[in-house]
């Protein structure tokens, strides 16, 4: 079907897929919340990480990225919507973390990612994405050179695109809903 970019939320499920498809020109994106004990496998097997939410994780990814492959592309996750169950950095704290991440040698800060609350009202959806775009613009006005806004899923990608998304995560629309995890 011509799909070249694949996103995965679960490391254990992704590694066999990456191995089975080795040799094809595919780009693998790690989307899920990343625990410190899984950074090595992600640094070694993925081209992108979309949900970096702590400088500690960025430092580990940089230190563990193999020298023979390009730097790891990362998006810093902005916490929007106030949900305690979702990760991310608060807008007021994001600039110093972004600056620190730019200094790490084996990662490349490319942009921001968000996971807003589930909404059915497109105007409410747009508010969360607009907030992320505004923080993105703020960082770029200070010379960050970001080019990626990873926002929107199968449920809200239209609103995300309307607010400037450059990457949307639409796996459910393509592959159907996930089976429940054990």
N, C-alpha and C. Protein backbone atom coordinates (compact mmCIF):
# COMPACT_ATOMS: atom_id res chain seq x y z
N UNK A 1 0.81 -1.20 0.00
CA UNK A 1 0.00 0.00 0.00
C UNK A 1 0.85 1.26 0.00
N UNK A 2 2.17 1.12 0.04
CA UNK A 2 3.04 2.28 0.00
C UNK A 2 3.33 2.92 1.34
N UNK A 3 2.88 2.32 2.43
CA UNK A 3 3.14 2.88 3.75
C UNK A 3 4.60 2.62 4.11
N UNK A 4 5.30 3.67 4.50
CA UNK A 4 6.72 3.55 4.85
C UNK A 4 7.00 3.91 6.29
N UNK A 5 6.06 4.54 6.97
CA UNK A 5 6.23 4.97 8.36
C UNK A 5 5.26 4.18 9.24
N UNK A 6 5.83 3.53 10.25
CA UNK A 6 5.02 2.74 11.17
C UNK A 6 5.29 3.17 12.59
N UNK A 7 4.21 3.36 13.34
CA UNK A 7 4.31 3.74 14.74
C UNK A 7 3.93 2.57 15.62
N UNK A 8 4.65 2.43 16.72
CA UNK A 8 4.38 1.35 17.67
C UNK A 8 4.32 1.93 19.08
N UNK A 9 3.38 1.42 19.87
CA UNK A 9 3.22 1.84 21.26
C UNK A 9 3.86 0.87 22.24
N UNK A 10 4.01 -0.37 21.85
CA UNK A 10 4.47 -1.40 22.76
C UNK A 10 5.77 -2.01 22.23
N UNK A 11 6.84 -1.83 22.99
CA UNK A 11 8.16 -2.30 22.56
C UNK A 11 8.17 -3.80 22.30
N UNK A 12 7.57 -4.58 23.19
CA UNK A 12 7.61 -6.03 23.06
C UNK A 12 6.97 -6.50 21.75
N UNK A 13 5.92 -5.82 21.31
CA UNK A 13 5.27 -6.17 20.05
C UNK A 13 6.05 -5.68 18.84
N UNK A 14 6.75 -4.58 19.00
CA UNK A 14 7.39 -3.95 17.84
C UNK A 14 8.67 -4.64 17.40
N UNK A 15 9.47 -5.13 18.32
CA UNK A 15 10.77 -5.69 17.95
C UNK A 15 10.66 -6.87 16.98
N UNK A 16 9.75 -7.83 17.17
CA UNK A 16 9.62 -8.90 16.17
C UNK A 16 9.17 -8.37 14.80
N UNK A 17 8.33 -7.35 14.77
CA UNK A 17 7.89 -6.77 13.50
C UNK A 17 9.06 -6.11 12.79
N UNK A 18 9.85 -5.35 13.54
CA UNK A 18 11.01 -4.68 12.95
C UNK A 18 11.97 -5.71 12.37
N UNK A 19 12.21 -6.76 13.11
CA UNK A 19 13.12 -7.82 12.65
C UNK A 19 12.57 -8.51 11.40
N UNK A 20 11.29 -8.82 11.39
CA UNK A 20 10.68 -9.51 10.25
C UNK A 20 10.71 -8.67 8.98
N UNK A 21 10.71 -7.36 9.13
CA UNK A 21 10.67 -6.46 7.97
C UNK A 21 12.02 -5.80 7.69
N UNK A 22 13.07 -6.29 8.35
CA UNK A 22 14.41 -5.75 8.13
C UNK A 22 14.77 -5.86 6.65
N UNK A 23 15.46 -4.87 6.14
CA UNK A 23 15.83 -4.86 4.74
C UNK A 23 14.89 -4.03 3.88
N UNK A 24 13.72 -3.76 4.37
CA UNK A 24 12.79 -2.86 3.66
C UNK A 24 13.07 -1.44 4.12
N UNK A 25 12.80 -0.50 3.27
CA UNK A 25 13.05 0.90 3.62
C UNK A 25 11.85 1.46 4.37
N UNK A 26 11.79 1.13 5.65
CA UNK A 26 10.71 1.56 6.52
C UNK A 26 11.28 2.44 7.62
N UNK A 27 10.46 3.34 8.11
CA UNK A 27 10.84 4.20 9.22
C UNK A 27 9.95 3.84 10.40
N UNK A 28 10.60 3.51 11.52
CA UNK A 28 9.89 3.07 12.71
C UNK A 28 9.84 4.20 13.73
N UNK A 29 8.63 4.45 14.23
CA UNK A 29 8.36 5.50 15.21
C UNK A 29 7.89 4.86 16.50
N UNK A 30 8.54 5.17 17.62
CA UNK A 30 8.04 4.71 18.91
C UNK A 30 7.15 5.81 19.46
N UNK A 31 5.89 5.47 19.74
CA UNK A 31 4.90 6.46 20.12
C UNK A 31 4.59 6.43 21.62
N UNK A 32 4.68 5.29 22.23
CA UNK A 32 4.23 5.13 23.61
C UNK A 32 5.12 5.78 24.64
N UNK A 33 4.61 5.81 25.86
CA UNK A 33 5.39 6.34 26.98
C UNK A 33 6.57 5.42 27.20
N UNK A 34 7.73 6.00 27.34
CA UNK A 34 8.97 5.23 27.37
C UNK A 34 9.52 5.17 28.79
N UNK A 35 9.71 3.95 29.27
CA UNK A 35 10.31 3.73 30.58
C UNK A 35 11.83 3.66 30.42
N UNK A 36 12.55 4.05 31.46
CA UNK A 36 14.01 4.10 31.41
C UNK A 36 14.63 2.74 31.07
N UNK A 37 14.04 1.66 31.53
CA UNK A 37 14.63 0.34 31.28
C UNK A 37 14.43 -0.14 29.84
N UNK A 38 13.73 0.62 29.01
CA UNK A 38 13.50 0.23 27.62
C UNK A 38 14.18 1.16 26.62
N UNK A 39 14.93 2.12 27.11
CA UNK A 39 15.51 3.11 26.20
C UNK A 39 16.54 2.51 25.25
N UNK A 40 17.34 1.55 25.70
CA UNK A 40 18.37 0.97 24.82
C UNK A 40 17.74 0.33 23.58
N UNK A 41 16.73 -0.49 23.77
CA UNK A 41 16.09 -1.15 22.63
C UNK A 41 15.47 -0.14 21.67
N UNK A 42 14.89 0.91 22.21
CA UNK A 42 14.29 1.95 21.37
C UNK A 42 15.40 2.71 20.63
N UNK A 43 16.45 3.09 21.33
CA UNK A 43 17.56 3.82 20.71
C UNK A 43 18.21 3.02 19.58
N UNK A 44 18.22 1.71 19.71
CA UNK A 44 18.88 0.85 18.72
C UNK A 44 17.98 0.50 17.53
N UNK A 45 16.67 0.57 17.68
CA UNK A 45 15.78 0.02 16.66
C UNK A 45 14.83 1.00 15.99
N UNK A 46 14.69 2.19 16.52
CA UNK A 46 13.73 3.15 15.97
C UNK A 46 14.44 4.36 15.39
N UNK A 47 13.77 5.04 14.45
CA UNK A 47 14.29 6.29 13.88
C UNK A 47 13.71 7.50 14.59
N UNK A 48 12.54 7.31 15.22
CA UNK A 48 11.81 8.41 15.88
C UNK A 48 11.29 7.95 17.23
N UNK A 49 11.25 8.88 18.18
CA UNK A 49 10.53 8.69 19.44
C UNK A 49 9.65 9.93 19.63
N UNK A 50 8.34 9.70 19.77
CA UNK A 50 7.39 10.82 19.80
C UNK A 50 6.97 11.26 21.18
N UNK A 51 7.32 10.58 22.20
CA UNK A 51 6.75 10.92 23.51
C UNK A 51 7.81 11.09 24.59
N UNK A 52 8.90 11.76 24.29
CA UNK A 52 9.91 12.02 25.31
C UNK A 52 9.35 13.08 26.26
N UNK A 53 9.30 12.73 27.54
CA UNK A 53 8.69 13.65 28.49
C UNK A 53 9.58 13.97 29.69
N UNK A 54 10.83 13.51 29.64
CA UNK A 54 11.77 13.79 30.73
C UNK A 54 13.18 13.90 30.14
N UNK A 55 13.98 14.80 30.69
CA UNK A 55 15.35 14.94 30.21
C UNK A 55 16.15 13.66 30.46
N UNK A 56 15.85 12.96 31.55
CA UNK A 56 16.53 11.69 31.84
C UNK A 56 16.36 10.70 30.69
N UNK A 57 15.17 10.61 30.14
CA UNK A 57 14.92 9.70 29.02
C UNK A 57 15.70 10.15 27.79
N UNK A 58 15.71 11.44 27.52
CA UNK A 58 16.47 11.96 26.37
C UNK A 58 17.96 11.67 26.53
N UNK A 59 18.48 11.86 27.73
CA UNK A 59 19.90 11.58 27.97
C UNK A 59 20.22 10.11 27.75
N UNK A 60 19.37 9.23 28.21
CA UNK A 60 19.59 7.79 28.01
C UNK A 60 19.52 7.43 26.53
N UNK A 61 18.55 7.97 25.81
CA UNK A 61 18.44 7.69 24.38
C UNK A 61 19.69 8.15 23.64
N UNK A 62 20.18 9.33 23.97
CA UNK A 62 21.39 9.85 23.34
C UNK A 62 22.60 8.97 23.63
N UNK A 63 22.77 8.59 24.88
CA UNK A 63 23.92 7.77 25.28
C UNK A 63 23.86 6.38 24.66
N UNK A 64 22.66 5.87 24.41
CA UNK A 64 22.52 4.49 23.93
C UNK A 64 22.32 4.39 22.43
N UNK A 65 22.24 5.51 21.73
CA UNK A 65 22.08 5.48 20.27
C UNK A 65 23.38 5.04 19.63
N UNK A 66 23.35 3.98 18.81
CA UNK A 66 24.58 3.52 18.16
C UNK A 66 25.20 4.60 17.27
N UNK A 67 26.52 4.63 17.24
CA UNK A 67 27.23 5.65 16.47
C UNK A 67 27.12 5.45 14.96
N UNK A 68 26.85 4.23 14.51
CA UNK A 68 26.84 3.93 13.08
C UNK A 68 25.51 4.28 12.39
N UNK A 69 24.53 4.77 13.14
CA UNK A 69 23.27 5.18 12.54
C UNK A 69 23.01 6.65 12.86
N UNK A 70 22.17 7.31 12.06
CA UNK A 70 21.93 8.74 12.29
C UNK A 70 21.35 9.00 13.68
N UNK A 71 21.48 10.23 14.16
CA UNK A 71 20.86 10.58 15.44
C UNK A 71 19.37 10.24 15.45
N UNK A 72 18.87 9.96 16.62
CA UNK A 72 17.47 9.61 16.83
C UNK A 72 16.62 10.89 16.80
N UNK A 73 15.59 10.91 15.96
CA UNK A 73 14.66 12.02 15.90
C UNK A 73 13.70 11.92 17.08
N UNK A 74 13.51 13.01 17.81
CA UNK A 74 12.62 12.97 18.96
C UNK A 74 11.66 14.15 18.96
N UNK A 75 10.49 13.89 19.52
CA UNK A 75 9.50 14.92 19.79
C UNK A 75 9.31 14.97 21.29
N UNK A 76 9.32 16.16 21.82
CA UNK A 76 9.09 16.41 23.23
C UNK A 76 7.58 16.45 23.44
N UNK A 77 7.08 15.66 24.39
CA UNK A 77 5.64 15.60 24.62
C UNK A 77 5.19 16.73 25.52
N UNK A 78 4.23 17.50 25.01
CA UNK A 78 3.61 18.58 25.78
C UNK A 78 2.40 18.01 26.51
N UNK A 79 2.30 18.27 27.79
CA UNK A 79 1.15 17.81 28.57
C UNK A 79 0.01 18.80 28.38
N UNK A 80 -1.06 18.36 27.76
CA UNK A 80 -2.23 19.20 27.57
C UNK A 80 -3.44 18.51 28.20
N UNK A 81 -4.36 19.28 28.67
CA UNK A 81 -5.61 18.73 29.16
C UNK A 81 -5.64 18.36 30.62
N UNK A 82 -4.50 18.36 31.29
CA UNK A 82 -4.47 18.12 32.72
C UNK A 82 -4.72 16.71 33.18
N UNK A 83 -4.78 15.75 32.29
CA UNK A 83 -5.03 14.36 32.70
C UNK A 83 -3.79 13.76 33.36
N UNK A 84 -3.94 13.30 34.58
CA UNK A 84 -2.81 12.73 35.32
C UNK A 84 -2.31 11.44 34.68
N UNK A 85 -3.15 10.75 33.94
CA UNK A 85 -2.76 9.48 33.33
C UNK A 85 -1.87 9.65 32.11
N UNK A 86 -1.73 10.87 31.61
CA UNK A 86 -0.92 11.10 30.42
C UNK A 86 0.35 11.86 30.77
N UNK A 87 1.42 11.51 30.09
CA UNK A 87 2.70 12.14 30.33
C UNK A 87 2.84 13.45 29.60
N UNK A 88 4.01 14.03 29.73
CA UNK A 88 4.31 15.25 29.03
C UNK A 88 4.85 16.32 29.96
N UNK A 89 5.42 17.32 29.35
CA UNK A 89 6.00 18.45 30.05
C UNK A 89 5.00 19.60 30.01
N UNK A 90 4.85 20.28 31.13
CA UNK A 90 3.96 21.44 31.17
C UNK A 90 4.55 22.56 30.31
N UNK A 91 3.69 23.35 29.69
CA UNK A 91 4.13 24.42 28.78
C UNK A 91 5.12 25.36 29.46
N UNK A 92 4.90 25.70 30.71
CA UNK A 92 5.78 26.63 31.41
C UNK A 92 7.19 26.08 31.64
N UNK A 93 7.35 24.77 31.56
CA UNK A 93 8.65 24.13 31.83
C UNK A 93 9.35 23.62 30.57
N UNK A 94 8.73 23.78 29.42
CA UNK A 94 9.23 23.10 28.23
C UNK A 94 10.49 23.73 27.62
N UNK A 95 10.62 25.05 27.66
CA UNK A 95 11.75 25.72 26.99
C UNK A 95 13.11 25.24 27.52
N UNK A 96 13.36 25.22 28.83
CA UNK A 96 14.67 24.76 29.28
C UNK A 96 14.95 23.29 28.97
N UNK A 97 13.91 22.47 28.97
CA UNK A 97 14.10 21.06 28.62
C UNK A 97 14.44 20.93 27.14
N UNK A 98 13.76 21.69 26.30
CA UNK A 98 14.05 21.67 24.86
C UNK A 98 15.48 22.13 24.59
N UNK A 99 15.92 23.17 25.27
CA UNK A 99 17.30 23.66 25.09
C UNK A 99 18.30 22.59 25.51
N UNK A 100 18.05 21.94 26.63
CA UNK A 100 18.95 20.88 27.11
C UNK A 100 18.97 19.70 26.14
N UNK A 101 17.84 19.37 25.58
CA UNK A 101 17.78 18.24 24.63
C UNK A 101 18.56 18.54 23.36
N UNK A 102 18.54 19.79 22.93
CA UNK A 102 19.28 20.15 21.70
C UNK A 102 20.77 19.93 21.86
N UNK A 103 21.27 19.93 23.09
CA UNK A 103 22.70 19.77 23.34
C UNK A 103 23.15 18.31 23.34
N UNK A 104 22.21 17.38 23.37
CA UNK A 104 22.57 15.97 23.42
C UNK A 104 23.05 15.51 22.05
N UNK A 105 24.17 14.78 21.98
CA UNK A 105 24.81 14.51 20.70
C UNK A 105 24.15 13.48 19.79
N UNK A 106 23.43 12.52 20.29
CA UNK A 106 22.94 11.43 19.44
C UNK A 106 21.43 11.46 19.24
N UNK A 107 20.80 12.58 19.64
CA UNK A 107 19.39 12.77 19.32
C UNK A 107 19.23 14.11 18.63
N UNK A 108 18.13 14.22 17.88
CA UNK A 108 17.82 15.48 17.22
C UNK A 108 16.38 15.85 17.59
N UNK A 109 16.24 16.94 18.33
CA UNK A 109 14.91 17.42 18.69
C UNK A 109 14.25 17.97 17.44
N UNK A 110 13.14 17.34 17.04
CA UNK A 110 12.45 17.72 15.81
C UNK A 110 11.17 18.48 16.05
N UNK A 111 10.54 18.27 17.22
CA UNK A 111 9.28 18.97 17.41
C UNK A 111 8.58 18.58 18.69
N UNK A 112 7.26 18.79 18.67
CA UNK A 112 6.41 18.52 19.83
C UNK A 112 5.37 17.48 19.47
N UNK A 113 4.93 16.78 20.50
CA UNK A 113 3.86 15.79 20.40
C UNK A 113 2.88 16.05 21.53
N UNK A 114 1.60 15.75 21.31
CA UNK A 114 0.63 15.84 22.40
C UNK A 114 -0.38 14.71 22.28
N UNK A 115 -0.97 14.38 23.42
CA UNK A 115 -2.06 13.39 23.51
C UNK A 115 -3.17 14.04 24.33
N UNK A 116 -4.06 14.79 23.67
CA UNK A 116 -5.09 15.51 24.41
C UNK A 116 -6.19 14.57 24.91
N UNK A 117 -7.05 15.10 25.78
CA UNK A 117 -8.20 14.31 26.23
C UNK A 117 -9.08 13.93 25.03
N UNK A 118 -9.75 12.79 25.15
CA UNK A 118 -10.69 12.38 24.10
C UNK A 118 -11.86 13.36 24.07
N UNK A 119 -12.11 13.90 22.92
CA UNK A 119 -13.20 14.87 22.73
C UNK A 119 -13.94 14.50 21.44
N UNK A 120 -15.22 14.73 21.40
CA UNK A 120 -15.97 14.53 20.16
C UNK A 120 -16.26 15.86 19.46
N UNK A 121 -16.21 16.94 20.20
CA UNK A 121 -16.46 18.28 19.65
C UNK A 121 -15.17 18.77 18.97
N UNK A 122 -15.25 19.00 17.68
CA UNK A 122 -14.05 19.39 16.92
C UNK A 122 -13.45 20.70 17.42
N UNK A 123 -14.27 21.62 17.91
CA UNK A 123 -13.73 22.88 18.42
C UNK A 123 -12.90 22.65 19.69
N UNK A 124 -13.36 21.76 20.55
CA UNK A 124 -12.58 21.41 21.76
C UNK A 124 -11.29 20.69 21.34
N UNK A 125 -11.37 19.81 20.37
CA UNK A 125 -10.17 19.13 19.87
C UNK A 125 -9.16 20.16 19.38
N UNK A 126 -9.65 21.10 18.61
CA UNK A 126 -8.75 22.12 18.05
C UNK A 126 -8.07 22.94 19.13
N UNK A 127 -8.76 23.19 20.25
CA UNK A 127 -8.15 23.97 21.33
C UNK A 127 -6.87 23.31 21.84
N UNK A 128 -6.88 22.00 22.05
CA UNK A 128 -5.69 21.29 22.55
C UNK A 128 -4.56 21.35 21.51
N UNK A 129 -4.90 21.15 20.25
CA UNK A 129 -3.88 21.18 19.21
C UNK A 129 -3.36 22.60 18.99
N UNK A 130 -4.23 23.58 19.12
CA UNK A 130 -3.80 24.98 18.99
C UNK A 130 -2.80 25.32 20.09
N UNK A 131 -3.07 24.87 21.31
CA UNK A 131 -2.13 25.11 22.42
C UNK A 131 -0.75 24.52 22.10
N UNK A 132 -0.74 23.32 21.55
CA UNK A 132 0.54 22.69 21.20
C UNK A 132 1.24 23.47 20.10
N UNK A 133 0.48 23.89 19.09
CA UNK A 133 1.09 24.68 18.00
C UNK A 133 1.63 26.00 18.52
N UNK A 134 0.95 26.61 19.46
CA UNK A 134 1.43 27.88 20.01
C UNK A 134 2.74 27.70 20.78
N UNK A 135 2.87 26.62 21.52
CA UNK A 135 4.14 26.35 22.21
C UNK A 135 5.23 26.06 21.18
N UNK A 136 4.91 25.32 20.14
CA UNK A 136 5.82 25.04 19.03
C UNK A 136 6.31 26.35 18.41
N UNK A 137 5.37 27.26 18.12
CA UNK A 137 5.72 28.56 17.54
C UNK A 137 6.61 29.36 18.50
N UNK A 138 6.27 29.34 19.77
CA UNK A 138 7.05 30.04 20.80
C UNK A 138 8.50 29.54 20.80
N UNK A 139 8.68 28.23 20.76
CA UNK A 139 10.04 27.68 20.75
C UNK A 139 10.78 28.06 19.47
N UNK A 140 10.09 28.03 18.36
CA UNK A 140 10.74 28.40 17.10
C UNK A 140 11.09 29.88 17.04
N UNK A 141 10.28 30.72 17.66
CA UNK A 141 10.61 32.15 17.72
C UNK A 141 11.89 32.39 18.52
N UNK A 142 12.26 31.42 19.33
CA UNK A 142 13.50 31.50 20.12
C UNK A 142 14.63 30.67 19.51
N UNK A 143 14.47 30.34 18.22
CA UNK A 143 15.56 29.72 17.48
C UNK A 143 15.68 28.21 17.56
N UNK A 144 14.65 27.51 17.98
CA UNK A 144 14.76 26.07 18.15
C UNK A 144 14.80 25.31 16.83
N UNK A 145 14.24 25.84 15.76
CA UNK A 145 14.29 25.18 14.46
C UNK A 145 13.50 23.88 14.39
N UNK A 146 12.37 23.82 15.06
CA UNK A 146 11.54 22.61 15.05
C UNK A 146 10.74 22.54 13.76
N UNK A 147 10.51 21.29 13.29
CA UNK A 147 9.76 21.12 12.04
C UNK A 147 8.64 20.10 12.13
N UNK A 148 8.40 19.53 13.30
CA UNK A 148 7.43 18.44 13.41
C UNK A 148 6.42 18.71 14.53
N UNK A 149 5.15 18.61 14.18
CA UNK A 149 4.06 18.64 15.15
C UNK A 149 3.34 17.31 15.04
N UNK A 150 3.62 16.42 15.97
CA UNK A 150 3.02 15.09 15.99
C UNK A 150 1.78 15.15 16.87
N UNK A 151 0.64 15.29 16.22
CA UNK A 151 -0.60 15.41 16.98
C UNK A 151 -1.76 14.94 16.13
N UNK A 152 -2.68 14.27 16.80
CA UNK A 152 -3.86 13.75 16.14
C UNK A 152 -3.79 12.25 15.96
N UNK A 153 -4.95 11.62 16.15
CA UNK A 153 -5.09 10.18 15.98
C UNK A 153 -6.26 9.93 15.03
N UNK A 154 -6.60 8.69 14.85
CA UNK A 154 -7.74 8.36 13.98
C UNK A 154 -9.00 9.08 14.41
N UNK A 155 -9.13 9.37 15.70
CA UNK A 155 -10.34 9.99 16.24
C UNK A 155 -10.39 11.51 16.08
N UNK A 156 -9.24 12.15 15.84
CA UNK A 156 -9.26 13.63 15.83
C UNK A 156 -8.26 14.25 14.86
N UNK A 157 -7.83 13.49 13.87
CA UNK A 157 -6.78 14.00 12.98
C UNK A 157 -7.20 15.22 12.17
N UNK A 158 -8.51 15.35 11.86
CA UNK A 158 -8.95 16.52 11.09
C UNK A 158 -8.67 17.81 11.86
N UNK A 159 -8.99 17.80 13.15
CA UNK A 159 -8.73 18.98 13.99
C UNK A 159 -7.24 19.23 14.11
N UNK A 160 -6.45 18.17 14.23
CA UNK A 160 -5.00 18.31 14.35
C UNK A 160 -4.41 18.92 13.08
N UNK A 161 -4.85 18.45 11.94
CA UNK A 161 -4.36 18.99 10.67
C UNK A 161 -4.75 20.46 10.53
N UNK A 162 -5.97 20.79 10.93
CA UNK A 162 -6.42 22.18 10.86
C UNK A 162 -5.55 23.10 11.72
N UNK A 163 -4.93 22.54 12.76
CA UNK A 163 -4.08 23.34 13.65
C UNK A 163 -2.59 23.18 13.35
N UNK A 164 -2.24 22.53 12.23
CA UNK A 164 -0.86 22.51 11.80
C UNK A 164 -0.09 21.22 11.98
N UNK A 165 -0.76 20.11 12.30
CA UNK A 165 -0.05 18.84 12.46
C UNK A 165 0.74 18.50 11.19
N UNK A 166 1.95 18.01 11.38
CA UNK A 166 2.75 17.51 10.26
C UNK A 166 2.80 15.99 10.27
N UNK A 167 2.47 15.39 11.40
CA UNK A 167 2.42 13.94 11.56
C UNK A 167 1.16 13.60 12.34
N UNK A 168 0.37 12.68 11.81
CA UNK A 168 -0.80 12.19 12.52
C UNK A 168 -0.66 10.68 12.70
N UNK A 169 -1.27 10.17 13.75
CA UNK A 169 -1.16 8.75 14.10
C UNK A 169 -2.52 8.10 13.84
N UNK A 170 -2.65 7.42 12.72
CA UNK A 170 -3.95 6.92 12.27
C UNK A 170 -3.98 5.39 12.12
N UNK A 171 -3.28 4.70 12.99
CA UNK A 171 -3.25 3.23 12.92
C UNK A 171 -4.60 2.58 13.05
N UNK A 172 -5.45 3.07 13.93
CA UNK A 172 -6.77 2.47 14.12
C UNK A 172 -7.60 2.59 12.84
N UNK A 173 -7.51 3.72 12.16
CA UNK A 173 -8.25 3.91 10.91
C UNK A 173 -7.78 2.94 9.81
N UNK A 174 -6.51 2.58 9.86
CA UNK A 174 -5.96 1.68 8.82
C UNK A 174 -6.11 0.21 9.22
N UNK A 175 -5.73 -0.12 10.45
CA UNK A 175 -5.64 -1.51 10.88
C UNK A 175 -6.80 -1.97 11.76
N UNK A 176 -7.65 -1.04 12.18
CA UNK A 176 -8.74 -1.40 13.09
C UNK A 176 -8.31 -1.26 14.53
N UNK A 177 -9.25 -1.42 15.46
CA UNK A 177 -8.92 -1.27 16.87
C UNK A 177 -7.97 -2.38 17.35
N UNK A 178 -7.17 -2.04 18.33
CA UNK A 178 -6.23 -3.01 18.91
C UNK A 178 -7.00 -4.04 19.72
N UNK A 179 -6.46 -5.24 19.76
CA UNK A 179 -7.00 -6.26 20.66
C UNK A 179 -6.61 -5.87 22.08
N UNK A 180 -7.45 -6.20 23.05
CA UNK A 180 -7.09 -5.87 24.44
C UNK A 180 -5.77 -6.52 24.83
N UNK A 181 -4.95 -5.77 25.58
CA UNK A 181 -3.66 -6.29 26.03
C UNK A 181 -3.85 -7.18 27.24
N UNK A 182 -3.07 -8.29 27.30
CA UNK A 182 -3.19 -9.16 28.47
C UNK A 182 -2.71 -8.47 29.74
